[in-house]
Structure formats: structure tokens, C-alpha cells
Amino acid sequence: MRALFATSPGLGHVFPTISLAHALRAAGHEVLMATAGGKEAANAGLHVVDTAPGVDIGAVFQQAASEQPEEFDYSTDVDTEKGLEFVGAIFAKLSGVSVDLTVSAAESWRPDVVVYSSMEGTGPLVAAKLGVPAVSHGFGFADEAPMTEAIFKKMVEERERHGVQGFPEVRESIDVAPPSMVDRPVRGWPMRYVPYNGGGVLPEWVLERPARPRVAVTLGSVLTQVGALTSLTKLVDVARHLDAEFVLALGDADPSPLGELPDNVRAAGWVPLSALLPTCAALVHHGGAGSTLTAIDAGVTQLVLPHGADQYVNADAVVRRGLGLRSEPDQVDAELIDRLLTDPGLGRAASEVADEIATLPTPADLVPKIAGLA
């Protein structure tokens, strides 16, 4: 079987699909990834088609957002009709830049099934054009099916150009949200979230159990590139007064805007969270779905400092289930961090959800289901 993966750009959308792609390859199937850029997917050992060479995806996003007629508040509007309209329009534009090269690659390679990230409209378009089954791959807690439909609906020009009127006849979906953390039915096939955060040569200290609690800190792969690093200033200031070790996993970002770091705060650069968290007591993060689910898999408590996108939805899910806390970045204080590290209720809930997802079908378990569609 040949499986074409079509993903929206951005590591937060590409990385959640990697474990399933690896599972398909390990079972003897062929996988081709189609996405804008694609360097990180290639680094994961996958064959990749760059579907938007030379395109500044960030500029496309900003232009699409600026064209929307109304102001949009991510903290309240994501799960509303207004949210569907806003997000649908933006991701339709992002999908549009990848359509033609994805169609061209698919017509040459002839996949038997198309797997697509739930915020990508190109996948169902290609599957419908080729007459093959499609599988939507979720990556978070929001109800993503209406988002996919809103994106696809707005891709009028692209669908007309390629002679596609509606979704493919055979369409399934994968839901990675822990059932106890969402107030909606499971969408399609439930699947255990198996973290992929990239590879790397690990420093020796990453594997060592620290003498005092270790707290990992991340802002994901986007926020550090758009000036959000200083949102951690208050956390760093609070950290200097606590008997704990803090690890800033901030990728290539220069930590100097945070000032001189205390002795108990380590700037670690790029460290895969799935390798770092097993020796941590907690994670402080921005609320990206990948960071949230990686922490859940590790069974650690979380402090979420949401900035935008689906981060408010994810933060609400964490707080509602009782496995973490939420705060504005400038409201972080010692009492909050102490509760994060010592509240037995938070730790108990984090362990419960880690145990819950461990019982869900793995990506390998879903391979026969996907192959059965072809």
C-alpha cells in the first residue's frame, strides 16, 4: 500500500503524524509526505515533496489573517461559528499554496490512501480527485472535523480547478485526544498519542535523575520566533527563589532577552521533550497540542501559559481534567509553581491520564485499519 501524507505547514501539525508514518513503513508500506518545506519530516527519515518551494508560509498566514473582516479573540472564539469562519479562511489560504504540487505528486505516485492533518484542505481534495480513501489525522483537543469542513468549503477556486465537488466517498478520522479530557464523542478511530519531537544527541544530564525537582519549560517551535520569549521573564525571576531546577528547552532562540539566568535555570537549546520529560516533575509551556500531549504521555503535571491559536482550548482541557494549572505569563508566582510541584491531586490526575492513553490503540494497531481501506 502507498500512503500519501498531506500536512499543513508547521511542526505542530507535521510532528503528530510522524509516528503513524513510521508505523506504516515498519509494516512494509510506502509513505510519501507532501507539505510546505518538509525539512523536519525528511529528518525523520521520510521521503518528502516540498509543495510550496520558495513560499513564505508566515507571510501567507499574516496576509490571510489581515484580510478577515472581524477582530478575533483566540481565548474565546476558537470553538464558535466565528472561529470556524476565521480559521477556515486562513487555513484554506495555507492549503491553497500546496494544492497544485500535491496533486501533481499524487498523480505521479498514485497513492492508495491519503492521510492528512485535520487543518489541511489539500488532503481530502487530492483523495477525492484520485478516488481513493482519506484519513484525517487529529492532533489536539478541539473538535477538528468542523474545522476541516470549513477549510474545504472555502477552497472553492482550488476545487473547481481540479474538478472536485465534495469530500472523498470513503473518509475516516483518527482522534488522539484522551477521551476523559474532551466533552465530545471520539471522532472515528481513537489512537494513542506517541510523541515525536525530533531526534538528537542527548546531553548526559538529560537522562540523570536530579536531586531536586526538574521543571521543563518550552514555547514550542513558533512563539520564540515571533518575540514571545520575554513572556517567560516572570517565570525566570520566580525560579531564582525556588528549590528546583528549570530547563529552558527553547530551540535555537537566544535566551539573552531573559537577562542573566539564575544558577538553577539552564538554557538547553533544542532537547526533544519526549526525552527530557521522563526526568522532570512538571512542564511549563504555551499550550501547544504537541507539548500538552507529550506531557500527558510522560505523566507530569503542567502549567499552561496560552498565547493564541488552539492553546486556550488545550489549557482548558488540562485544567478541567485536573492535571495542571493555567496562568497569564505575567501572573506566575512562587505559590503557583509550588502547587504545580506538590499538589497531590494534580499528580494523581496526570498519572491517571497517562495510564488512560497507554490503553488506547497504538499507531501500529491502526495500520491494518488503514490498509483495509485501500
Protein backbone atom coordinates (compact mmCIF):
# COMPACT_ATOMS: atom_id res chain seq x y z
CA MET A 1 0.00 0.00 0.00
CA ARG A 2 1.08 3.54 -0.74
CA ALA A 3 0.06 6.23 1.77
CA LEU A 4 0.39 9.90 0.90
CA PHE A 5 0.57 12.17 3.96
CA ALA A 6 -0.58 15.74 3.29
CA THR A 7 0.03 18.03 6.24
CA SER A 8 -0.44 21.70 6.93
CA PRO A 9 2.88 23.52 7.49
CA GLY A 10 4.36 23.91 10.95
CA LEU A 11 5.96 21.37 13.26
CA GLY A 12 2.88 21.31 15.46
CA HIS A 13 0.93 19.84 12.55
CA VAL A 14 3.66 17.69 10.97
CA PHE A 15 5.13 16.04 14.07
CA PRO A 16 1.87 14.37 15.28
CA THR A 17 1.69 12.40 12.02
CA ILE A 18 5.25 11.05 12.12
CA SER A 19 4.62 8.10 14.45
CA LEU A 20 1.84 6.78 12.21
CA ALA A 21 4.02 7.25 9.13
CA HIS A 22 6.79 5.26 10.83
CA ALA A 23 4.31 2.54 11.81
CA LEU A 24 3.13 2.18 8.21
CA ARG A 25 6.69 1.94 6.93
CA ALA A 26 7.62 -0.59 9.61
CA ALA A 27 4.72 -2.74 8.40
CA GLY A 28 6.11 -2.71 4.87
CA HIS A 29 4.00 0.06 3.34
CA GLU A 30 5.30 3.03 1.34
CA VAL A 31 4.91 6.57 2.65
CA LEU A 32 5.35 9.91 0.91
CA MET A 33 4.97 13.17 2.81
CA ALA A 34 3.64 16.25 0.99
CA THR A 35 3.99 19.50 2.90
CA ALA A 36 5.40 23.00 2.56
CA GLY A 37 9.11 22.89 3.31
CA GLY A 38 9.33 19.41 4.73
CA LYS A 39 12.83 19.52 6.24
CA GLU A 40 11.77 18.12 9.61
CA ALA A 41 9.78 15.29 8.01
CA ALA A 42 12.84 14.44 5.93
CA ASN A 43 14.94 14.46 9.11
CA ALA A 44 12.52 11.87 10.46
CA GLY A 45 13.59 9.54 7.66
CA LEU A 46 10.60 10.12 5.37
CA HIS A 47 10.51 10.88 1.67
CA VAL A 48 9.10 14.38 1.20
CA VAL A 49 7.72 16.55 -1.58
CA ASP A 50 8.04 20.28 -0.89
CA THR A 51 4.61 21.52 -2.00
CA ALA A 52 5.37 25.23 -1.71
CA PRO A 53 9.02 25.85 -2.62
CA GLY A 54 10.10 29.42 -2.03
CA VAL A 55 6.81 30.41 -0.38
CA ASP A 56 6.98 32.37 2.87
CA ILE A 57 4.29 30.50 4.82
CA GLY A 58 4.40 33.01 7.67
CA ALA A 59 3.65 35.84 5.24
CA VAL A 60 0.75 33.87 3.74
CA PHE A 61 -0.68 33.36 7.23
CA GLN A 62 -0.34 37.02 8.17
CA GLN A 63 -1.90 38.19 4.92
CA ALA A 64 -4.82 35.78 5.28
CA ALA A 65 -5.41 36.89 8.87
CA SER A 66 -5.31 40.57 7.91
CA GLU A 67 -8.00 40.01 5.28
CA GLN A 68 -10.56 38.79 7.81
CA PRO A 69 -13.34 41.33 8.40
CA GLU A 70 -13.62 40.96 12.19
CA GLU A 71 -11.29 41.01 15.15
CA PHE A 72 -10.69 37.54 16.52
CA ASP A 73 -10.05 36.58 20.15
CA TYR A 74 -8.35 33.18 20.38
CA SER A 75 -9.18 32.96 24.08
CA THR A 76 -12.94 32.86 23.43
CA ASP A 77 -13.72 32.42 19.74
CA VAL A 78 -11.97 29.22 18.58
CA ASP A 79 -14.88 26.84 19.27
CA THR A 80 -17.56 29.11 17.77
CA GLU A 81 -19.07 29.78 14.35
CA LYS A 82 -16.88 32.87 14.22
CA GLY A 83 -13.89 30.64 14.88
CA LEU A 84 -14.82 28.28 12.07
CA GLU A 85 -15.11 31.22 9.68
CA PHE A 86 -11.82 32.79 10.74
CA VAL A 87 -9.68 29.66 10.98
CA GLY A 88 -11.31 28.13 7.91
CA ALA A 89 -10.41 31.15 5.78
CA ILE A 90 -6.78 31.24 6.96
CA PHE A 91 -6.07 27.55 6.56
CA ALA A 92 -7.85 27.47 3.21
CA LYS A 93 -5.26 30.02 2.05
CA LEU A 94 -2.43 27.97 3.54
CA SER A 95 -3.80 24.81 1.92
CA GLY A 96 -4.20 26.62 -1.39
CA VAL A 97 -0.47 27.23 -1.83
CA SER A 98 0.17 23.47 -1.68
CA VAL A 99 -2.67 22.15 -3.82
CA ASP A 100 -1.16 22.07 -7.31
CA LEU A 101 2.15 20.42 -6.42
CA THR A 102 0.42 17.94 -4.12
CA VAL A 103 -1.98 16.96 -6.90
CA SER A 104 0.91 16.63 -9.34
CA ALA A 105 2.90 14.42 -6.96
CA ALA A 106 -0.15 12.29 -6.21
CA GLU A 107 -0.97 11.77 -9.88
CA SER A 108 2.60 10.61 -10.48
CA TRP A 109 2.98 8.46 -7.35
CA ARG A 110 -0.62 7.08 -7.28
CA PRO A 111 -1.28 6.55 -3.55
CA ASP A 112 -3.84 4.02 -2.34
CA VAL A 113 -4.86 6.22 0.59
CA VAL A 114 -4.33 9.83 1.69
CA VAL A 115 -3.69 10.69 5.35
CA TYR A 116 -3.99 14.38 6.09
CA SER A 117 -3.65 16.65 9.10
CA SER A 118 -7.03 17.95 10.18
CA MET A 119 -6.23 21.60 9.37
CA GLU A 120 -5.18 20.78 5.79
CA GLY A 121 -7.69 21.02 2.94
CA THR A 122 -5.39 19.66 0.26
CA GLY A 123 -5.57 16.06 1.53
CA PRO A 124 -9.30 15.48 1.02
CA LEU A 125 -9.17 17.36 -2.30
CA VAL A 126 -6.44 15.07 -3.62
CA ALA A 127 -8.16 11.93 -2.34
CA ALA A 128 -11.44 12.98 -3.98
CA LYS A 129 -9.70 13.76 -7.28
CA LEU A 130 -7.95 10.38 -7.34
CA GLY A 131 -10.95 8.46 -5.98
CA VAL A 132 -9.04 6.98 -3.03
CA PRO A 133 -9.91 6.83 0.69
CA ALA A 134 -8.86 9.64 3.02
CA VAL A 135 -7.99 9.59 6.72
CA SER A 136 -7.97 12.78 8.80
CA HIS A 137 -5.26 12.74 11.49
CA GLY A 138 -6.21 14.82 14.53
CA PHE A 139 -3.59 16.46 16.72
CA GLY A 140 -5.34 18.05 19.70
CA PHE A 141 -8.42 18.51 21.85
CA ALA A 142 -10.67 20.74 19.75
CA ASP A 143 -13.44 19.22 17.65
CA GLU A 144 -11.42 19.26 14.43
CA ALA A 145 -13.97 17.80 11.99
CA PRO A 146 -15.94 21.07 11.61
CA MET A 147 -12.64 22.90 11.06
CA THR A 148 -11.67 20.55 8.21
CA GLU A 149 -15.09 21.03 6.62
CA ALA A 150 -14.85 24.83 6.93
CA ILE A 151 -11.42 24.83 5.28
CA PHE A 152 -12.52 22.55 2.46
CA LYS A 153 -15.67 24.57 1.84
CA LYS A 154 -13.64 27.77 1.36
CA MET A 155 -11.30 26.19 -1.18
CA VAL A 156 -13.77 26.94 -3.99
CA GLU A 157 -11.25 28.03 -6.63
CA GLU A 158 -8.92 25.10 -5.95
CA ARG A 159 -11.72 22.54 -6.06
CA GLU A 160 -13.10 23.99 -9.30
CA ARG A 161 -9.65 23.99 -10.87
CA HIS A 162 -9.21 20.30 -10.11
CA GLY A 163 -12.76 19.18 -10.75
CA VAL A 164 -13.56 18.28 -7.15
CA GLN A 165 -17.01 19.00 -5.75
CA GLY A 166 -17.07 17.24 -2.41
CA PHE A 167 -15.18 15.09 0.06
CA PRO A 168 -13.95 11.63 -0.97
CA GLU A 169 -16.52 8.85 -0.71
CA VAL A 170 -14.51 6.92 1.86
CA ARG A 171 -13.35 9.11 4.73
CA GLU A 172 -12.18 8.10 8.21
CA SER A 173 -10.59 10.04 11.06
CA ILE A 174 -8.11 9.50 13.87
CA ASP A 175 -8.65 11.11 17.28
CA VAL A 176 -5.64 11.41 19.61
CA ALA A 177 -7.37 13.31 22.43
CA PRO A 178 -7.64 11.31 25.68
CA PRO A 179 -11.37 10.56 25.99
CA SER A 180 -11.55 11.76 29.60
CA MET A 181 -10.27 15.20 28.57
CA VAL A 182 -12.89 16.15 25.99
CA ASP A 183 -16.62 16.83 26.31
CA ARG A 184 -17.43 15.43 22.87
CA PRO A 185 -17.63 11.96 21.31
CA VAL A 186 -14.46 10.33 19.96
CA ARG A 187 -14.14 11.17 16.27
CA GLY A 188 -13.54 7.97 14.31
CA TRP A 189 -10.66 5.77 15.43
CA PRO A 190 -9.10 6.57 18.83
CA MET A 191 -5.31 6.38 18.82
CA ARG A 192 -2.64 6.70 21.48
CA TYR A 193 -0.55 9.82 21.01
CA VAL A 194 3.03 8.56 20.61
CA PRO A 195 5.23 11.66 20.84
CA TYR A 196 7.66 12.52 18.10
CA ASN A 197 9.62 15.69 18.88
CA GLY A 198 12.59 15.15 16.59
CA GLY A 199 15.79 13.29 17.29
CA GLY A 200 19.05 14.49 18.71
CA VAL A 201 22.22 13.60 20.55
CA LEU A 202 21.28 13.96 24.21
CA PRO A 203 23.44 15.67 26.83
CA GLU A 204 24.32 13.25 29.62
CA TRP A 205 22.39 15.25 32.22
CA VAL A 206 19.08 14.71 30.40
CA LEU A 207 18.96 11.06 31.49
CA GLU A 208 20.09 11.68 35.08
CA ARG A 209 17.54 11.89 37.88
CA PRO A 210 18.10 15.31 39.51
CA ALA A 211 18.47 15.77 43.26
CA ARG A 212 15.64 18.32 43.31
CA PRO A 213 12.51 18.68 41.14
CA ARG A 214 13.22 19.43 37.49
CA VAL A 215 10.80 21.64 35.54
CA ALA A 216 10.96 21.72 31.75
CA VAL A 217 9.98 24.97 30.01
CA THR A 218 9.11 25.35 26.33
CA LEU A 219 7.30 27.74 23.99
CA GLY A 220 7.12 25.31 21.11
CA SER A 221 8.51 25.95 17.63
CA VAL A 222 6.78 29.21 16.65
CA LEU A 223 6.47 31.64 19.56
CA THR A 224 10.21 32.01 20.11
CA GLN A 225 10.47 33.24 16.52
CA VAL A 226 7.86 35.98 16.93
CA GLY A 227 9.09 37.81 20.01
CA ALA A 228 7.27 35.85 22.71
CA LEU A 229 10.40 34.77 24.59
CA THR A 230 10.07 37.62 27.07
CA SER A 231 6.76 36.14 28.26
CA LEU A 232 8.98 33.87 30.38
CA THR A 233 10.65 36.78 32.19
CA LYS A 234 8.42 36.49 35.27
CA LEU A 235 8.89 32.72 35.45
CA VAL A 236 12.68 33.06 35.37
CA ASP A 237 12.57 35.71 38.09
CA VAL A 238 10.40 33.47 40.28
CA ALA A 239 12.62 30.46 39.62
CA ARG A 240 15.66 32.05 41.24
CA HIS A 241 13.91 31.83 44.64
CA LEU A 242 12.81 28.18 44.36
CA ASP A 243 14.49 24.92 45.29
CA ALA A 244 14.00 23.39 41.86
CA GLU A 245 15.87 23.06 38.56
CA PHE A 246 14.43 24.70 35.44
CA VAL A 247 15.37 23.64 31.92
CA LEU A 248 14.60 26.10 29.12
CA ALA A 249 14.07 23.96 26.01
CA LEU A 250 13.76 26.87 23.60
CA GLY A 251 15.36 25.52 20.44
CA ASP A 252 17.60 27.94 18.59
CA ALA A 253 16.23 31.02 20.39
CA ASP A 254 18.72 33.35 22.03
CA PRO A 255 17.84 33.44 25.76
CA SER A 256 19.58 36.78 26.35
CA PRO A 257 16.28 38.78 26.40
CA LEU A 258 15.57 36.96 29.68
CA GLY A 259 18.61 38.56 31.27
CA GLU A 260 21.22 36.76 33.34
CA LEU A 261 19.84 33.35 34.22
CA PRO A 262 19.96 32.13 37.84
CA ASP A 263 22.14 29.13 38.66
CA ASN A 264 19.11 26.86 38.81
CA VAL A 265 17.92 27.77 35.30
CA ARG A 266 19.59 26.01 32.37
CA ALA A 267 19.24 27.17 28.75
CA ALA A 268 19.32 23.83 26.94
CA GLY A 269 18.56 24.78 23.33
CA TRP A 270 16.81 22.04 21.39
CA VAL A 271 16.00 18.98 23.51
CA PRO A 272 13.22 16.60 22.42
CA LEU A 273 10.51 16.86 25.07
CA SER A 274 9.86 13.13 24.97
CA ALA A 275 13.48 12.58 26.07
CA LEU A 276 13.53 15.37 28.66
CA LEU A 277 10.22 14.87 30.46
CA PRO A 278 10.86 11.41 31.99
CA THR A 279 13.27 13.05 34.47
CA CYS A 280 11.01 16.06 35.08
CA ALA A 281 8.31 16.69 37.66
CA ALA A 282 6.42 19.23 35.54
CA LEU A 283 6.27 21.11 32.25
CA VAL A 284 5.61 24.83 31.83
CA HIS A 285 4.53 25.55 28.27
CA HIS A 286 2.45 27.63 25.88
CA GLY A 287 -0.37 25.14 25.40
CA GLY A 288 0.50 23.72 22.00
CA ALA A 289 -1.23 20.40 21.42
CA GLY A 290 2.04 18.54 20.93
CA SER A 291 3.57 19.85 24.15
CA THR A 292 0.35 19.15 26.06
CA LEU A 293 0.05 15.58 24.82
CA THR A 294 3.76 14.84 25.28
CA ALA A 295 3.45 15.91 28.92
CA ILE A 296 0.38 13.72 29.29
CA ASP A 297 2.27 10.75 27.86
CA ALA A 298 5.06 11.37 30.40
CA GLY A 299 2.59 11.66 33.28
CA VAL A 300 3.87 15.04 34.51
CA THR A 301 1.85 18.00 35.74
CA GLN A 302 1.54 21.09 33.57
CA LEU A 303 1.39 24.86 33.86
CA VAL A 304 -0.06 26.29 30.65
CA LEU A 305 0.62 29.89 29.59
CA PRO A 306 -1.53 30.19 26.44
CA HIS A 307 -0.74 32.81 23.81
CA GLY A 308 -3.09 32.08 20.89
CA ALA A 309 -4.38 29.54 18.34
CA ASP A 310 -5.83 26.38 19.98
CA GLN A 311 -3.73 26.91 23.10
CA TYR A 312 -6.67 28.20 25.13
CA VAL A 313 -8.72 25.11 24.24
CA ASN A 314 -5.84 22.87 25.29
CA ALA A 315 -5.29 24.82 28.52
CA ASP A 316 -8.97 24.49 29.39
CA ALA A 317 -8.79 20.73 28.81
CA VAL A 318 -5.78 20.43 31.14
CA VAL A 319 -7.43 22.44 33.92
CA ARG A 320 -10.82 20.76 33.54
CA ARG A 321 -9.26 17.28 33.92
CA GLY A 322 -7.28 18.45 36.96
CA LEU A 323 -3.79 17.54 35.77
CA GLY A 324 -2.45 21.07 35.53
CA LEU A 325 -2.85 24.81 36.01
CA ARG A 326 -3.30 27.82 33.74
CA SER A 327 -1.97 31.35 34.12
CA GLU A 328 -1.16 34.51 32.27
CA PRO A 329 2.63 34.69 31.86
CA ASP A 330 2.94 37.83 33.99
CA GLN A 331 0.90 36.29 36.82
CA VAL A 332 3.25 33.38 37.55
CA ASP A 333 4.44 33.36 41.16
CA ALA A 334 6.19 31.07 43.63
CA GLU A 335 2.91 29.82 45.10
CA LEU A 336 1.75 28.68 41.66
CA ILE A 337 4.97 26.78 40.94
CA ASP A 338 4.92 25.24 44.41
CA ARG A 339 1.40 23.96 43.81
CA LEU A 340 2.42 22.62 40.41
CA LEU A 341 5.13 20.55 42.07
CA THR A 342 3.42 19.48 45.29
CA ASP A 343 -0.36 19.26 44.79
CA PRO A 344 -1.16 15.53 45.05
CA GLY A 345 -4.40 15.95 43.12
CA LEU A 346 -2.58 17.29 40.08
CA GLY A 347 -0.05 14.46 40.16
CA ARG A 348 -2.77 11.85 40.60
CA ALA A 349 -4.76 13.15 37.62
CA ALA A 350 -1.63 13.30 35.45
CA SER A 351 -0.87 9.66 36.26
CA GLU A 352 -4.48 8.64 35.57
CA VAL A 353 -4.50 10.16 32.09
CA ALA A 354 -1.07 8.73 31.28
CA ASP A 355 -2.47 5.31 32.19
CA GLU A 356 -5.59 6.02 30.13
CA ILE A 357 -3.77 6.79 26.91
CA ALA A 358 -1.49 3.79 27.40
CA THR A 359 -4.56 1.59 26.87
CA LEU A 360 -5.53 3.22 23.55
CA PRO A 361 -4.68 1.61 20.19
CA THR A 362 -1.17 2.49 19.06
CA PRO A 363 -0.27 3.77 15.59
CA ALA A 364 0.84 0.21 14.78
CA ASP A 365 -2.62 -1.06 15.79
CA LEU A 366 -4.23 1.28 13.25
CA VAL A 367 -2.10 0.13 10.31
CA PRO A 368 -4.43 -2.79 9.42
CA LYS A 369 -7.44 -0.45 9.55
CA ILE A 370 -5.81 1.97 7.11
CA ALA A 371 -4.61 -0.84 4.85
CA GLY A 372 -8.14 -2.21 4.88
CA LEU A 373 -9.40 0.96 3.21
CA ALA A 374 -7.11 0.62 0.20
